[in-house]
Amino acid sequence: MTTEPRSRVCARFAAITPSATLAVDAKAKALKAQGRPVIGFGAGEPDFPTPDYIVEAALEAAKDPAMHRYTPAAGLPALREAIAAKTLRDSGYEVRPGDVLVTNGGKQAVFQAFAAILDPGDEAILPTPYWTTYPEVVKLAGATPVEVFAGADQDYKVTVEQLEAARTPRTKVLLHCSPSNPTGSVYTPEETIAIGRWALEHGIWVVTDEIYEHLVYEDAAPAHILALVPELADRTIVLNGVAKTYAMTGWRVGWMVGPTDVIKAATSFQSHLTSNVSNVAQRAALAAVSGPLDAVHEMRRAFDRRRRTMVTMLSEIQGLEVPTPKGAFYAFPSVEGILGKQIRGTVPTTSAQLADLILSEVEVAVVPSEAFGPSGYIRLSYALADEDLVEGVGRIRELLAEAR
């Protein structure tokens, strides 16, 4: 009698899907290192350096012996106070510094938020397309992600009617992300209020990811759900960080804000997982959130210019449907009009196959929508130099013009 060998890796970890966005970015960088002229639209990070005054704060912190030691697991008290003040300034509602937990980047905040409130058997509603990490952390918490899809015809925004159709007795939490990664869509205040009141009516938790709050364009405005539906405060966890706003992706400082009992439990978990966040990075984040927004506005103007260029160029490609993104730094065109057509002897039938073809034929890296839900779309970040953007989209345009 023989038995099947057991996996050396636990089932929870074995089921994790690697981050597709990081994989695409790593592949593009590896090809560049080989000397190939690859242009990467995969990475979701600003191409600007961190502003000088933030770097200077880190240098000073590195010289401070107090920063060479352990500090509170929840974060430096001065940073928690500054995040509370920044929340009132930028988001329009008050939070207690004690209800702020500083985390090792926004991803840790995402993981801990879901882990703190989900139990096995619970369901979490994820508006789709979603950021690639959300369903993985829901599954790690033992819960079930429930996808609610909104396509290009809805500007990738779900309705209350769709949410209600997905609700079951096991629904515990709704993920709300506006501005959205991967689509760049921004919910209006009216849409946000309707969603917030629906969650309130049914006693559903809201995890709201606001990390792109300062990157909005045209007539869009960040619609902070707690400012619009303050009654949700006892069932809402707010996620944020310095990565996107201040070009600090590598500094790894995020935070979560929520009810006292949730933040206390997440802090206890973090104390065992990572202890405190790097003190030098925390002092840099303190300078960022308590300082002026001049550098942020300058970066936003550059993103806006690139956004308009990208949308114009993509819209000229026959077979693509390109909703205009109003936030973040992504475009998310539908490529369903291209799939099934022959391009240089190949007939891609999925966006993953199309992305592979684009990389192999014209050396441009994009992220296929299988990373964010259903096939049929690609994500392009416009957080790269203007000339690279024009060259990269130009290569894609020439390639897809051959579709027959």
Protein backbone atom coordinates (compact mmCIF):
# COMPACT_ATOMS: atom_id res chain seq x y z
CA MET A 1 0.00 0.00 0.00
CA THR A 2 1.36 3.39 -0.98
CA THR A 3 0.33 6.82 0.12
CA GLU A 4 0.55 10.06 -1.77
CA PRO A 5 3.45 12.21 -0.53
CA ARG A 6 2.28 15.22 1.42
CA SER A 7 3.28 18.65 0.27
CA ARG A 8 6.11 20.19 2.27
CA VAL A 9 4.28 23.52 2.04
CA CYS A 10 1.10 24.18 3.99
CA ALA A 11 -2.13 24.29 1.99
CA ARG A 12 -2.70 27.98 2.76
CA PHE A 13 0.65 29.05 1.29
CA ALA A 14 0.52 26.58 -1.58
CA ALA A 15 -2.76 28.14 -2.74
CA ILE A 16 -1.35 31.67 -2.96
CA THR A 17 -1.07 33.10 -6.47
CA PRO A 18 2.10 35.21 -6.85
CA SER A 19 1.63 38.92 -7.53
CA ALA A 20 1.23 39.22 -11.29
CA THR A 21 2.12 42.91 -11.31
CA LEU A 22 5.43 42.29 -9.56
CA ALA A 23 6.08 39.33 -11.86
CA VAL A 24 5.58 41.45 -14.99
CA ASP A 25 7.79 44.19 -13.59
CA ALA A 26 10.52 41.68 -12.69
CA LYS A 27 10.39 40.14 -16.17
CA ALA A 28 10.69 43.55 -17.82
CA LYS A 29 13.65 44.49 -15.62
CA ALA A 30 15.37 41.17 -16.34
CA LEU A 31 15.04 41.74 -20.09
CA LYS A 32 16.36 45.29 -19.70
CA ALA A 33 19.35 43.90 -17.81
CA GLN A 34 20.07 41.76 -20.87
CA GLY A 35 20.27 44.91 -22.96
CA ARG A 36 16.86 44.62 -24.60
CA PRO A 37 14.93 47.89 -25.10
CA VAL A 38 11.93 46.82 -23.04
CA ILE A 39 9.42 49.44 -21.94
CA GLY A 40 7.49 48.44 -18.84
CA PHE A 41 3.92 49.53 -18.12
CA GLY A 42 3.58 47.03 -15.31
CA ALA A 43 4.84 48.67 -12.13
CA GLY A 44 2.40 50.59 -9.97
CA GLU A 45 4.90 53.07 -8.61
CA PRO A 46 5.78 56.70 -9.35
CA ASP A 47 8.93 57.19 -11.39
CA PHE A 48 9.88 60.29 -9.39
CA PRO A 49 12.43 60.37 -6.56
CA THR A 50 11.15 60.84 -3.04
CA PRO A 51 11.05 64.62 -2.32
CA ASP A 52 14.28 65.96 -0.82
CA TYR A 53 12.81 67.16 2.47
CA ILE A 54 11.57 63.65 3.21
CA VAL A 55 14.96 62.12 2.45
CA GLU A 56 16.63 64.69 4.70
CA ALA A 57 14.32 63.72 7.55
CA ALA A 58 15.42 60.10 7.12
CA LEU A 59 19.09 61.08 7.15
CA GLU A 60 18.62 62.97 10.39
CA ALA A 61 16.72 60.04 11.88
CA ALA A 62 19.55 57.66 11.00
CA LYS A 63 21.87 59.79 13.13
CA ASP A 64 19.51 59.73 16.13
CA PRO A 65 20.43 56.92 18.57
CA ALA A 66 16.79 56.69 19.68
CA MET A 67 15.93 55.48 16.18
CA HIS A 68 18.42 52.62 16.52
CA ARG A 69 16.17 50.85 19.05
CA TYR A 70 12.80 49.13 19.22
CA THR A 71 9.83 51.48 19.37
CA PRO A 72 6.10 50.81 19.92
CA ALA A 73 4.61 48.15 17.66
CA ALA A 74 1.74 50.48 16.70
CA GLY A 75 4.14 53.12 15.39
CA LEU A 76 5.97 56.22 16.59
CA PRO A 77 3.50 58.30 18.62
CA ALA A 78 4.40 61.44 16.67
CA LEU A 79 3.63 59.68 13.37
CA ARG A 80 0.29 58.34 14.60
CA GLU A 81 -0.65 61.86 15.70
CA ALA A 82 0.43 63.26 12.34
CA ILE A 83 -1.61 60.64 10.46
CA ALA A 84 -4.66 61.58 12.51
CA ALA A 85 -4.09 65.27 11.70
CA LYS A 86 -3.50 64.47 8.03
CA THR A 87 -6.75 62.45 7.93
CA LEU A 88 -8.71 65.43 9.17
CA ARG A 89 -6.93 67.77 6.73
CA ASP A 90 -7.27 65.58 3.64
CA SER A 91 -10.27 63.36 4.33
CA GLY A 92 -12.53 65.57 6.40
CA TYR A 93 -13.17 63.39 9.46
CA GLU A 94 -11.54 62.97 12.85
CA VAL A 95 -9.73 59.90 14.12
CA ARG A 96 -7.92 59.28 17.38
CA PRO A 97 -4.15 58.70 17.16
CA GLY A 98 -4.76 55.60 19.28
CA ASP A 99 -6.91 54.18 16.47
CA VAL A 100 -4.01 54.36 13.98
CA LEU A 101 -1.66 51.42 13.36
CA VAL A 102 1.49 52.04 11.29
CA THR A 103 2.36 49.05 9.10
CA ASN A 104 5.20 47.80 6.91
CA GLY A 105 3.73 49.18 3.72
CA GLY A 106 0.14 49.27 2.53
CA LYS A 107 0.09 45.53 1.82
CA GLN A 108 0.55 44.65 5.48
CA ALA A 109 -2.33 46.97 6.31
CA VAL A 110 -4.50 45.19 3.74
CA PHE A 111 -3.62 41.76 5.13
CA GLN A 112 -4.16 42.74 8.75
CA ALA A 113 -7.46 44.48 8.03
CA PHE A 114 -9.03 41.37 6.55
CA ALA A 115 -7.33 39.03 9.02
CA ALA A 116 -8.69 41.05 11.94
CA ILE A 117 -12.36 40.76 11.01
CA LEU A 118 -12.79 37.63 8.86
CA ASP A 119 -13.39 34.11 10.12
CA PRO A 120 -13.56 30.85 8.15
CA GLY A 121 -16.92 30.67 6.39
CA ASP A 122 -17.25 34.44 6.00
CA GLU A 123 -17.57 36.06 2.59
CA ALA A 124 -15.89 39.27 1.38
CA ILE A 125 -17.34 41.12 -1.60
CA LEU A 126 -14.65 42.33 -4.01
CA PRO A 127 -15.72 44.73 -6.77
CA THR A 128 -13.98 43.42 -9.88
CA PRO A 129 -11.54 44.22 -11.53
CA TYR A 130 -9.69 44.23 -8.20
CA TRP A 131 -6.09 44.73 -7.08
CA THR A 132 -4.35 41.38 -7.29
CA THR A 133 -3.63 41.07 -3.54
CA TYR A 134 -7.19 41.41 -2.22
CA PRO A 135 -8.51 37.89 -2.94
CA GLU A 136 -5.30 36.28 -1.72
CA VAL A 137 -5.47 37.87 1.73
CA VAL A 138 -9.18 37.06 2.02
CA LYS A 139 -8.39 33.39 1.34
CA LEU A 140 -5.48 33.46 3.80
CA ALA A 141 -7.98 34.58 6.44
CA GLY A 142 -10.01 31.44 5.69
CA ALA A 143 -12.84 33.39 4.07
CA THR A 144 -14.27 33.36 0.54
CA PRO A 145 -13.83 36.25 -1.93
CA VAL A 146 -17.02 37.02 -3.86
CA GLU A 147 -16.37 38.84 -7.13
CA VAL A 148 -18.85 41.43 -8.39
CA PHE A 149 -17.85 42.43 -11.90
CA ALA A 150 -18.33 45.81 -13.58
CA GLY A 151 -16.98 46.18 -17.12
CA ALA A 152 -15.93 49.06 -19.29
CA ASP A 153 -19.58 49.90 -20.02
CA GLN A 154 -19.99 50.75 -16.30
CA ASP A 155 -16.67 52.56 -16.05
CA TYR A 156 -15.64 49.57 -13.92
CA LYS A 157 -17.85 50.72 -11.01
CA VAL A 158 -20.29 48.36 -9.30
CA THR A 159 -23.81 49.38 -8.35
CA VAL A 160 -25.72 48.87 -5.13
CA GLU A 161 -28.04 46.55 -7.04
CA GLN A 162 -25.09 44.33 -7.96
CA LEU A 163 -23.84 44.33 -4.37
CA GLU A 164 -27.26 43.40 -3.06
CA ALA A 165 -27.50 40.53 -5.54
CA ALA A 166 -24.18 39.19 -4.22
CA ARG A 167 -25.07 39.56 -0.53
CA THR A 168 -25.70 36.40 1.48
CA PRO A 169 -26.07 35.67 5.19
CA ARG A 170 -22.31 35.00 5.18
CA THR A 171 -21.34 38.42 3.78
CA LYS A 172 -19.07 40.05 6.35
CA VAL A 173 -17.16 42.78 4.52
CA LEU A 174 -17.10 44.90 1.37
CA LEU A 175 -13.85 46.11 -0.16
CA HIS A 176 -14.09 49.68 -1.47
CA CYS A 177 -11.19 51.12 -3.52
CA SER A 178 -11.48 54.59 -5.01
CA PRO A 179 -9.48 55.77 -6.92
CA SER A 180 -9.13 52.24 -8.19
CA ASN A 181 -6.18 50.05 -8.91
CA PRO A 182 -6.28 48.61 -11.60
CA THR A 183 -8.87 50.67 -13.50
CA GLY A 184 -8.30 54.28 -12.45
CA SER A 185 -12.04 54.70 -11.87
CA VAL A 186 -13.28 57.06 -9.17
CA TYR A 187 -16.64 56.70 -7.45
CA THR A 188 -18.62 59.92 -7.18
CA PRO A 189 -19.77 61.17 -3.76
CA GLU A 190 -23.32 60.11 -4.64
CA GLU A 191 -22.18 56.59 -5.57
CA THR A 192 -20.09 56.34 -2.44
CA ILE A 193 -22.95 57.45 -0.19
CA ALA A 194 -25.26 54.87 -1.75
CA ILE A 195 -22.72 52.09 -1.19
CA GLY A 196 -22.01 53.25 2.36
CA ARG A 197 -25.69 53.36 3.29
CA TRP A 198 -26.22 49.90 1.82
CA ALA A 199 -23.38 48.53 3.96
CA LEU A 200 -24.74 50.33 7.01
CA GLU A 201 -28.27 48.98 6.46
CA HIS A 202 -27.04 45.38 6.35
CA GLY A 203 -24.39 45.58 9.08
CA ILE A 204 -21.54 44.91 6.65
CA TRP A 205 -17.98 45.95 7.36
CA VAL A 206 -16.22 48.23 4.86
CA VAL A 207 -12.49 48.05 4.16
CA THR A 208 -11.71 51.20 2.17
CA ASP A 209 -8.37 51.53 0.41
CA GLU A 210 -7.57 55.23 -0.04
CA ILE A 211 -3.91 55.08 -1.00
CA TYR A 212 -4.51 56.96 -4.29
CA GLU A 213 -6.58 59.73 -2.66
CA HIS A 214 -4.43 62.60 -3.97
CA LEU A 215 -4.21 61.31 -7.55
CA VAL A 216 -7.50 62.45 -9.08
CA TYR A 217 -8.09 64.38 -12.30
CA GLU A 218 -10.62 66.50 -14.17
CA ASP A 219 -13.86 66.79 -12.19
CA ALA A 220 -13.17 63.80 -9.94
CA ALA A 221 -12.71 64.22 -6.22
CA PRO A 222 -11.70 61.72 -3.55
CA ALA A 223 -14.92 60.53 -1.94
CA HIS A 224 -13.99 59.42 1.56
CA ILE A 225 -16.71 57.07 2.71
CA LEU A 226 -16.42 57.96 6.41
CA ALA A 227 -16.72 61.67 5.67
CA LEU A 228 -19.88 60.98 3.66
CA VAL A 229 -21.42 58.26 5.87
CA PRO A 230 -19.94 58.86 9.35
CA GLU A 231 -22.33 56.34 10.90
CA LEU A 232 -20.09 53.64 9.40
CA ALA A 233 -17.17 54.50 11.69
CA ASP A 234 -17.71 51.51 13.97
CA ARG A 235 -17.56 49.09 11.01
CA THR A 236 -14.96 50.63 8.72
CA ILE A 237 -11.22 50.13 8.35
CA VAL A 238 -9.35 52.75 6.32
CA LEU A 239 -6.13 51.77 4.54
CA ASN A 240 -3.55 54.27 3.35
CA GLY A 241 0.17 54.93 3.09
CA VAL A 242 2.91 57.16 1.72
CA ALA A 243 3.91 54.99 -1.25
CA LYS A 244 1.88 56.46 -4.11
CA THR A 245 1.34 60.03 -2.91
CA TYR A 246 4.94 60.81 -2.01
CA ALA A 247 6.83 58.45 -4.38
CA MET A 248 7.88 56.29 -1.42
CA THR A 249 7.10 52.74 -2.57
CA GLY A 250 10.43 51.44 -1.30
CA TRP A 251 10.17 53.02 2.14
CA ARG A 252 7.43 50.58 3.21
CA VAL A 253 5.20 52.68 5.46
CA GLY A 254 1.44 52.28 5.42
CA TRP A 255 -1.28 52.44 8.04
CA MET A 256 -4.74 51.30 8.99
CA VAL A 257 -7.35 53.28 10.89
CA GLY A 258 -10.32 51.63 12.51
CA PRO A 259 -12.37 50.90 15.62
CA THR A 260 -10.33 50.64 18.81
CA ASP A 261 -10.84 46.91 19.34
CA VAL A 262 -9.81 46.06 15.78
CA ILE A 263 -6.69 48.23 15.89
CA LYS A 264 -5.74 46.76 19.28
CA ALA A 265 -6.04 43.21 17.94
CA ALA A 266 -4.11 44.03 14.76
CA THR A 267 -1.40 45.69 16.84
CA SER A 268 -1.03 42.57 18.97
CA PHE A 269 -0.70 40.48 15.81
CA GLN A 270 1.86 42.88 14.33
CA SER A 271 3.89 42.80 17.54
CA HIS A 272 4.51 39.10 16.90
CA LEU A 273 4.83 39.37 13.13
CA THR A 274 7.24 42.28 12.55
CA SER A 275 7.62 44.26 15.80
CA ASN A 276 7.83 47.91 14.79
CA VAL A 277 8.19 49.45 11.34
CA SER A 278 11.66 50.81 10.53
CA ASN A 279 12.09 53.93 12.64
CA VAL A 280 14.03 55.76 9.93
CA ALA A 281 11.24 55.13 7.43
CA GLN A 282 8.66 56.24 10.00
CA ARG A 283 10.46 59.54 10.53
CA ALA A 284 10.54 60.02 6.76
CA ALA A 285 6.79 59.33 6.65
CA LEU A 286 6.29 61.84 9.46
CA ALA A 287 7.94 64.52 7.33
CA ALA A 288 5.77 63.49 4.40
CA VAL A 289 2.33 63.51 6.00
CA SER A 290 2.95 66.63 8.11
CA GLY A 291 4.58 68.61 5.30
CA PRO A 292 3.16 70.58 2.34
CA LEU A 293 1.59 68.96 -0.70
CA ASP A 294 3.49 71.04 -3.28
CA ALA A 295 5.60 68.13 -4.54
CA VAL A 296 2.52 65.91 -4.64
CA HIS A 297 0.68 68.42 -6.82
CA GLU A 298 3.66 68.66 -9.15
CA MET A 299 3.73 64.89 -9.60
CA ARG A 300 -0.02 64.84 -10.15
CA ARG A 301 0.28 67.38 -12.95
CA ALA A 302 2.80 65.11 -14.67
CA PHE A 303 0.57 62.06 -14.22
CA ASP A 304 -2.38 64.00 -15.62
CA ARG A 305 -0.40 64.96 -18.72
CA ARG A 306 0.67 61.37 -19.27
CA ARG A 307 -2.87 60.12 -18.63
CA ARG A 308 -4.28 62.29 -21.39
CA THR A 309 -1.52 61.24 -23.79
CA MET A 310 -2.04 57.56 -23.08
CA VAL A 311 -5.82 57.68 -23.42
CA THR A 312 -5.56 59.59 -26.70
CA MET A 313 -3.08 57.13 -28.17
CA LEU A 314 -4.87 54.00 -26.96
CA SER A 315 -8.19 55.30 -28.26
CA GLU A 316 -6.70 55.41 -31.75
CA ILE A 317 -6.23 51.62 -31.75
CA GLN A 318 -9.08 49.88 -33.51
CA GLY A 319 -10.61 47.15 -31.35
CA LEU A 320 -9.81 48.76 -27.99
CA GLU A 321 -12.41 50.30 -25.68
CA VAL A 322 -10.72 52.84 -23.43
CA PRO A 323 -12.70 54.37 -20.55
CA THR A 324 -11.01 57.56 -19.36
CA PRO A 325 -9.44 56.97 -15.93
CA LYS A 326 -10.12 59.74 -13.42
CA GLY A 327 -7.66 58.64 -10.73
CA ALA A 328 -4.51 56.72 -9.77
CA PHE A 329 -2.05 56.20 -12.66
CA TYR A 330 -3.51 53.36 -14.70
CA ALA A 331 -5.42 52.87 -17.92
CA PHE A 332 -7.44 49.67 -18.27
CA PRO A 333 -8.59 49.24 -21.87
CA SER A 334 -10.80 46.38 -22.99
CA VAL A 335 -9.02 44.27 -25.63
CA GLU A 336 -11.97 42.00 -26.36
CA GLY A 337 -12.17 43.50 -29.86
CA ILE A 338 -8.63 42.26 -30.54
CA LEU A 339 -8.85 38.76 -29.10
CA GLY A 340 -9.45 36.01 -31.61
CA LYS A 341 -7.76 37.91 -34.43
CA GLN A 342 -4.51 36.89 -36.04
CA ILE A 343 -1.44 38.98 -35.24
CA ARG A 344 1.86 37.95 -36.82
CA GLY A 345 0.81 34.35 -37.15
CA THR A 346 -0.63 34.07 -33.64
CA VAL A 347 -4.28 34.20 -32.56
CA PRO A 348 -4.44 35.30 -28.89
CA THR A 349 -7.72 34.35 -27.22
CA THR A 350 -6.97 35.68 -23.74
CA SER A 351 -5.46 38.90 -22.47
CA ALA A 352 -2.61 36.84 -20.97
CA GLN A 353 -1.74 35.50 -24.41
CA LEU A 354 -2.01 38.99 -25.88
CA ALA A 355 0.31 40.41 -23.19
CA ASP A 356 2.87 37.69 -23.95
CA LEU A 357 2.63 38.52 -27.65
CA ILE A 358 3.13 42.24 -27.01
CA LEU A 359 6.21 41.53 -24.91
CA SER A 360 7.77 39.07 -27.34
CA GLU A 361 7.03 41.01 -30.52
CA VAL A 362 7.53 44.68 -29.56
CA GLU A 363 9.21 44.39 -26.13
CA VAL A 364 6.53 46.20 -24.15
CA ALA A 365 5.35 44.82 -20.79
CA VAL A 366 1.69 45.20 -19.80
CA VAL A 367 -0.31 43.35 -17.14
CA PRO A 368 -3.10 41.06 -18.37
CA SER A 369 -6.44 41.31 -16.59
CA GLU A 370 -6.34 37.71 -15.39
CA ALA A 371 -4.34 39.24 -12.52
CA PHE A 372 -7.37 41.37 -11.61
CA GLY A 373 -10.30 39.11 -12.45
CA PRO A 374 -11.73 38.07 -15.84
CA SER A 375 -9.74 38.03 -19.07
CA GLY A 376 -10.31 40.63 -21.78
CA TYR A 377 -8.41 43.68 -20.53
CA ILE A 378 -4.87 44.92 -19.96
CA ARG A 379 -3.50 47.36 -17.42
CA LEU A 380 -0.94 50.00 -18.35
CA SER A 381 0.64 52.25 -15.75
CA TYR A 382 1.44 55.78 -16.91
CA ALA A 383 3.91 56.29 -14.08
CA LEU A 384 6.87 56.39 -16.44
CA ALA A 385 8.73 58.99 -18.49
CA ASP A 386 6.72 60.78 -21.19
CA GLU A 387 9.02 59.68 -23.99
CA ASP A 388 8.89 56.03 -22.89
CA LEU A 389 5.12 56.21 -22.68
CA VAL A 390 4.80 57.52 -26.23
CA GLU A 391 7.30 55.00 -27.57
CA GLY A 392 5.70 52.06 -25.75
CA VAL A 393 2.11 52.80 -26.71
CA GLY A 394 3.31 53.52 -30.24
CA ARG A 395 4.82 50.04 -30.46
CA ILE A 396 1.57 48.50 -29.20
CA ARG A 397 -0.43 50.52 -31.72
CA GLU A 398 1.72 49.36 -34.62
CA LEU A 399 1.47 45.74 -33.53
CA LEU A 400 -2.29 45.70 -33.00
CA ALA A 401 -2.86 47.46 -36.30
CA GLU A 402 -1.88 44.14 -37.88
CA ALA A 403 -4.83 42.30 -36.24
CA ARG A 404 -6.95 40.61 -38.89
